[in-house]
Amino acid sequence: MQVEIRGVEKLSFRERQVVALKEMGLSNQQVAKRIGVTPSTVATLYNRARKKGYQVVIILSGDPLALFTEEDDDDDDEENPPADA
């Protein structure tokens, strides 16, 4: 799995750090501790970044969620038996 932040060129370095960590699920407190700022600074940077606009895109390679398996094809066969049967 790969995460891509589109529109990142609009963000400052600190905003990029905050966005990346917040989108990974970290709290303001955790982000603040990791990058050495206060939680209120994290909130300010995150809100500023959101106003500038960006998109987080998750790129999945292969079928890690098992959504496109051959079993789906087998299920169709059971529901629609061949005309000869």
N, C-alpha and C. Protein backbone atom coordinates (compact mmCIF):
# COMPACT_ATOMS: atom_id res chain seq x y z
N MET A 1 0.85 -1.18 0.00
CA MET A 1 0.00 0.00 0.00
C MET A 1 0.89 1.23 0.00
N GLN A 2 0.49 2.21 -0.78
CA GLN A 2 1.23 3.46 -0.87
C GLN A 2 0.26 4.60 -0.63
N VAL A 3 0.68 5.60 0.12
CA VAL A 3 -0.14 6.78 0.39
C VAL A 3 0.48 7.95 -0.34
N GLU A 4 -0.35 8.67 -1.06
CA GLU A 4 0.12 9.82 -1.82
C GLU A 4 -0.69 11.04 -1.38
N ILE A 5 0.00 12.15 -1.16
CA ILE A 5 -0.68 13.40 -0.82
C ILE A 5 -0.63 14.29 -2.05
N ARG A 6 -1.77 14.52 -2.66
CA ARG A 6 -1.83 15.37 -3.85
C ARG A 6 -2.09 16.80 -3.43
N GLY A 7 -1.42 17.72 -4.09
CA GLY A 7 -1.54 19.13 -3.74
C GLY A 7 -0.54 19.54 -2.69
N VAL A 8 0.43 18.66 -2.41
CA VAL A 8 1.41 18.91 -1.35
C VAL A 8 2.28 20.12 -1.66
N GLU A 9 2.43 20.45 -2.94
CA GLU A 9 3.27 21.60 -3.30
C GLU A 9 2.72 22.92 -2.76
N LYS A 10 1.44 22.94 -2.40
CA LYS A 10 0.83 24.14 -1.82
C LYS A 10 1.17 24.32 -0.35
N LEU A 11 1.66 23.25 0.28
CA LEU A 11 1.86 23.24 1.73
C LEU A 11 3.31 23.55 2.10
N SER A 12 3.46 24.19 3.27
CA SER A 12 4.80 24.42 3.80
C SER A 12 5.37 23.10 4.31
N PHE A 13 6.66 23.10 4.60
CA PHE A 13 7.31 21.89 5.11
C PHE A 13 6.62 21.39 6.38
N ARG A 14 6.35 22.28 7.33
CA ARG A 14 5.71 21.89 8.59
C ARG A 14 4.29 21.39 8.35
N GLU A 15 3.56 22.04 7.45
CA GLU A 15 2.21 21.58 7.13
C GLU A 15 2.25 20.18 6.54
N ARG A 16 3.25 19.90 5.71
CA ARG A 16 3.40 18.56 5.13
C ARG A 16 3.64 17.53 6.22
N GLN A 17 4.50 17.87 7.17
CA GLN A 17 4.77 16.95 8.27
C GLN A 17 3.49 16.65 9.05
N VAL A 18 2.77 17.72 9.39
CA VAL A 18 1.55 17.57 10.18
C VAL A 18 0.51 16.76 9.43
N VAL A 19 0.30 17.07 8.16
CA VAL A 19 -0.69 16.35 7.36
C VAL A 19 -0.34 14.87 7.30
N ALA A 20 0.91 14.55 7.01
CA ALA A 20 1.31 13.15 6.90
C ALA A 20 1.04 12.40 8.20
N LEU A 21 1.40 12.99 9.32
CA LEU A 21 1.22 12.32 10.61
C LEU A 21 -0.25 12.25 11.02
N LYS A 22 -0.99 13.32 10.79
CA LYS A 22 -2.42 13.33 11.14
C LYS A 22 -3.19 12.32 10.29
N GLU A 23 -2.86 12.23 9.01
CA GLU A 23 -3.54 11.29 8.12
C GLU A 23 -3.19 9.84 8.46
N MET A 24 -2.09 9.64 9.18
CA MET A 24 -1.74 8.30 9.66
C MET A 24 -2.50 7.97 10.94
N GLY A 25 -3.26 8.93 11.46
CA GLY A 25 -4.10 8.66 12.63
C GLY A 25 -3.55 9.16 13.95
N LEU A 26 -2.45 9.89 13.93
CA LEU A 26 -1.88 10.39 15.17
C LEU A 26 -2.69 11.58 15.70
N SER A 27 -2.73 11.71 17.01
CA SER A 27 -3.42 12.83 17.64
C SER A 27 -2.54 14.08 17.57
N ASN A 28 -3.14 15.24 17.86
CA ASN A 28 -2.36 16.48 17.89
C ASN A 28 -1.21 16.37 18.89
N GLN A 29 -1.49 15.76 20.03
CA GLN A 29 -0.47 15.59 21.07
C GLN A 29 0.70 14.74 20.56
N GLN A 30 0.39 13.64 19.89
CA GLN A 30 1.43 12.75 19.36
C GLN A 30 2.25 13.44 18.27
N VAL A 31 1.56 14.16 17.39
CA VAL A 31 2.27 14.88 16.32
C VAL A 31 3.18 15.94 16.93
N ALA A 32 2.64 16.68 17.90
CA ALA A 32 3.41 17.74 18.54
C ALA A 32 4.69 17.20 19.16
N LYS A 33 4.57 16.10 19.85
CA LYS A 33 5.74 15.50 20.49
C LYS A 33 6.77 15.05 19.45
N ARG A 34 6.29 14.48 18.36
CA ARG A 34 7.19 13.95 17.34
C ARG A 34 7.96 15.05 16.61
N ILE A 35 7.30 16.19 16.32
CA ILE A 35 8.00 17.23 15.54
C ILE A 35 8.45 18.42 16.39
N GLY A 36 8.20 18.37 17.69
CA GLY A 36 8.74 19.39 18.59
C GLY A 36 8.02 20.72 18.60
N VAL A 37 6.70 20.68 18.52
CA VAL A 37 5.88 21.90 18.61
C VAL A 37 4.76 21.64 19.61
N THR A 38 3.93 22.63 19.85
CA THR A 38 2.82 22.44 20.78
C THR A 38 1.61 21.87 20.04
N PRO A 39 0.70 21.22 20.77
CA PRO A 39 -0.52 20.70 20.14
C PRO A 39 -1.35 21.79 19.45
N SER A 40 -1.36 22.99 20.01
CA SER A 40 -2.12 24.07 19.37
C SER A 40 -1.48 24.49 18.04
N THR A 41 -0.16 24.40 17.96
CA THR A 41 0.53 24.68 16.70
C THR A 41 0.18 23.62 15.67
N VAL A 42 0.09 22.38 16.10
CA VAL A 42 -0.31 21.29 15.20
C VAL A 42 -1.71 21.58 14.66
N ALA A 43 -2.63 21.96 15.53
CA ALA A 43 -4.00 22.26 15.10
C ALA A 43 -4.02 23.40 14.09
N THR A 44 -3.23 24.44 14.35
CA THR A 44 -3.16 25.58 13.44
C THR A 44 -2.61 25.16 12.08
N LEU A 45 -1.51 24.41 12.08
CA LEU A 45 -0.90 23.96 10.83
C LEU A 45 -1.84 23.04 10.05
N TYR A 46 -2.53 22.17 10.75
CA TYR A 46 -3.45 21.25 10.08
C TYR A 46 -4.62 22.00 9.46
N ASN A 47 -5.18 22.94 10.20
CA ASN A 47 -6.30 23.73 9.67
C ASN A 47 -5.85 24.57 8.48
N ARG A 48 -4.67 25.14 8.55
CA ARG A 48 -4.14 25.94 7.45
C ARG A 48 -3.95 25.06 6.21
N ALA A 49 -3.42 23.87 6.41
CA ALA A 49 -3.22 22.93 5.29
C ALA A 49 -4.54 22.53 4.66
N ARG A 50 -5.54 22.28 5.48
CA ARG A 50 -6.85 21.88 4.97
C ARG A 50 -7.47 23.00 4.13
N LYS A 51 -7.28 24.24 4.56
CA LYS A 51 -7.81 25.38 3.79
C LYS A 51 -7.12 25.52 2.44
N LYS A 52 -5.85 25.16 2.38
CA LYS A 52 -5.11 25.22 1.12
C LYS A 52 -5.54 24.12 0.17
N GLY A 53 -6.08 23.08 0.72
CA GLY A 53 -6.58 21.97 -0.09
C GLY A 53 -5.51 20.97 -0.45
N TYR A 54 -5.78 19.72 -0.20
CA TYR A 54 -4.93 18.61 -0.58
C TYR A 54 -5.80 17.37 -0.58
N GLN A 55 -5.34 16.32 -1.21
CA GLN A 55 -6.05 15.05 -1.24
C GLN A 55 -5.10 13.94 -0.82
N VAL A 56 -5.61 13.04 -0.01
CA VAL A 56 -4.84 11.86 0.36
C VAL A 56 -5.39 10.71 -0.47
N VAL A 57 -4.50 10.05 -1.21
CA VAL A 57 -4.88 8.95 -2.08
C VAL A 57 -4.14 7.70 -1.63
N ILE A 58 -4.87 6.62 -1.45
CA ILE A 58 -4.27 5.35 -1.08
C ILE A 58 -4.18 4.48 -2.34
N ILE A 59 -3.00 4.03 -2.64
CA ILE A 59 -2.78 3.21 -3.82
C ILE A 59 -2.52 1.78 -3.36
N LEU A 60 -3.39 0.88 -3.74
CA LEU A 60 -3.28 -0.52 -3.37
C LEU A 60 -2.78 -1.30 -4.57
N SER A 61 -1.73 -2.06 -4.40
CA SER A 61 -1.24 -2.88 -5.50
C SER A 61 -1.75 -4.30 -5.33
N GLY A 62 -2.11 -4.91 -6.41
CA GLY A 62 -2.66 -6.26 -6.34
C GLY A 62 -4.08 -6.23 -5.81
N ASP A 63 -4.43 -7.18 -4.99
CA ASP A 63 -5.77 -7.28 -4.41
C ASP A 63 -5.67 -7.57 -2.91
N PRO A 64 -5.09 -6.63 -2.13
CA PRO A 64 -4.89 -6.89 -0.70
C PRO A 64 -6.19 -7.00 0.08
N LEU A 65 -7.29 -6.52 -0.48
CA LEU A 65 -8.56 -6.60 0.22
C LEU A 65 -9.39 -7.81 -0.23
N ALA A 66 -8.82 -8.60 -1.10
CA ALA A 66 -9.47 -9.81 -1.62
C ALA A 66 -10.85 -9.50 -2.20
N LEU A 67 -10.93 -8.45 -2.98
CA LEU A 67 -12.19 -8.06 -3.60
C LEU A 67 -12.39 -8.70 -4.96
N PHE A 68 -11.31 -9.09 -5.60
CA PHE A 68 -11.40 -9.62 -6.95
C PHE A 68 -10.79 -11.02 -7.01
N THR A 69 -11.47 -11.95 -6.37
CA THR A 69 -10.96 -13.32 -6.32
C THR A 69 -11.70 -14.19 -7.32
N GLU A 70 -11.13 -15.32 -7.61
CA GLU A 70 -11.79 -16.26 -8.52
C GLU A 70 -13.04 -16.86 -7.90
N GLU A 71 -13.15 -16.81 -6.59
CA GLU A 71 -14.34 -17.34 -5.92
C GLU A 71 -15.59 -16.62 -6.38
N ASP A 72 -15.46 -15.33 -6.71
CA ASP A 72 -16.61 -14.57 -7.20
C ASP A 72 -17.15 -15.20 -8.48
N ASP A 73 -16.26 -15.67 -9.35
CA ASP A 73 -16.67 -16.31 -10.59
C ASP A 73 -17.38 -17.62 -10.30
N ASP A 74 -16.89 -18.37 -9.31
CA ASP A 74 -17.50 -19.65 -8.94
C ASP A 74 -18.91 -19.44 -8.41
N ASP A 75 -19.13 -18.37 -7.65
CA ASP A 75 -20.46 -18.07 -7.11
C ASP A 75 -21.45 -17.85 -8.23
N ASP A 76 -21.02 -17.19 -9.31
CA ASP A 76 -21.91 -16.95 -10.44
C ASP A 76 -22.33 -18.26 -11.07
N ASP A 77 -21.41 -19.23 -11.13
CA ASP A 77 -21.72 -20.52 -11.73
C ASP A 77 -22.80 -21.25 -10.93
N GLU A 78 -22.77 -21.14 -9.62
CA GLU A 78 -23.77 -21.80 -8.79
C GLU A 78 -25.13 -21.18 -8.97
N GLU A 79 -25.19 -19.87 -9.13
CA GLU A 79 -26.46 -19.18 -9.28
C GLU A 79 -27.04 -19.39 -10.68
N ASN A 80 -26.18 -19.55 -11.67
CA ASN A 80 -26.61 -19.72 -13.05
C ASN A 80 -26.03 -21.01 -13.62
N PRO A 81 -26.63 -22.15 -13.29
CA PRO A 81 -26.09 -23.42 -13.79
C PRO A 81 -26.19 -23.48 -15.30
N PRO A 82 -25.34 -24.30 -15.93
CA PRO A 82 -25.39 -24.44 -17.39
C PRO A 82 -26.75 -24.94 -17.85
N ALA A 83 -27.13 -24.58 -19.04
CA ALA A 83 -28.44 -24.96 -19.59
C ALA A 83 -28.61 -26.47 -19.70
N ASP A 84 -27.50 -27.23 -19.85
CA ASP A 84 -27.57 -28.69 -20.00
C ASP A 84 -27.98 -29.38 -18.71
N ALA A 85 -27.76 -28.77 -17.56
CA ALA A 85 -27.98 -29.44 -16.28
C ALA A 85 -29.41 -29.58 -15.91
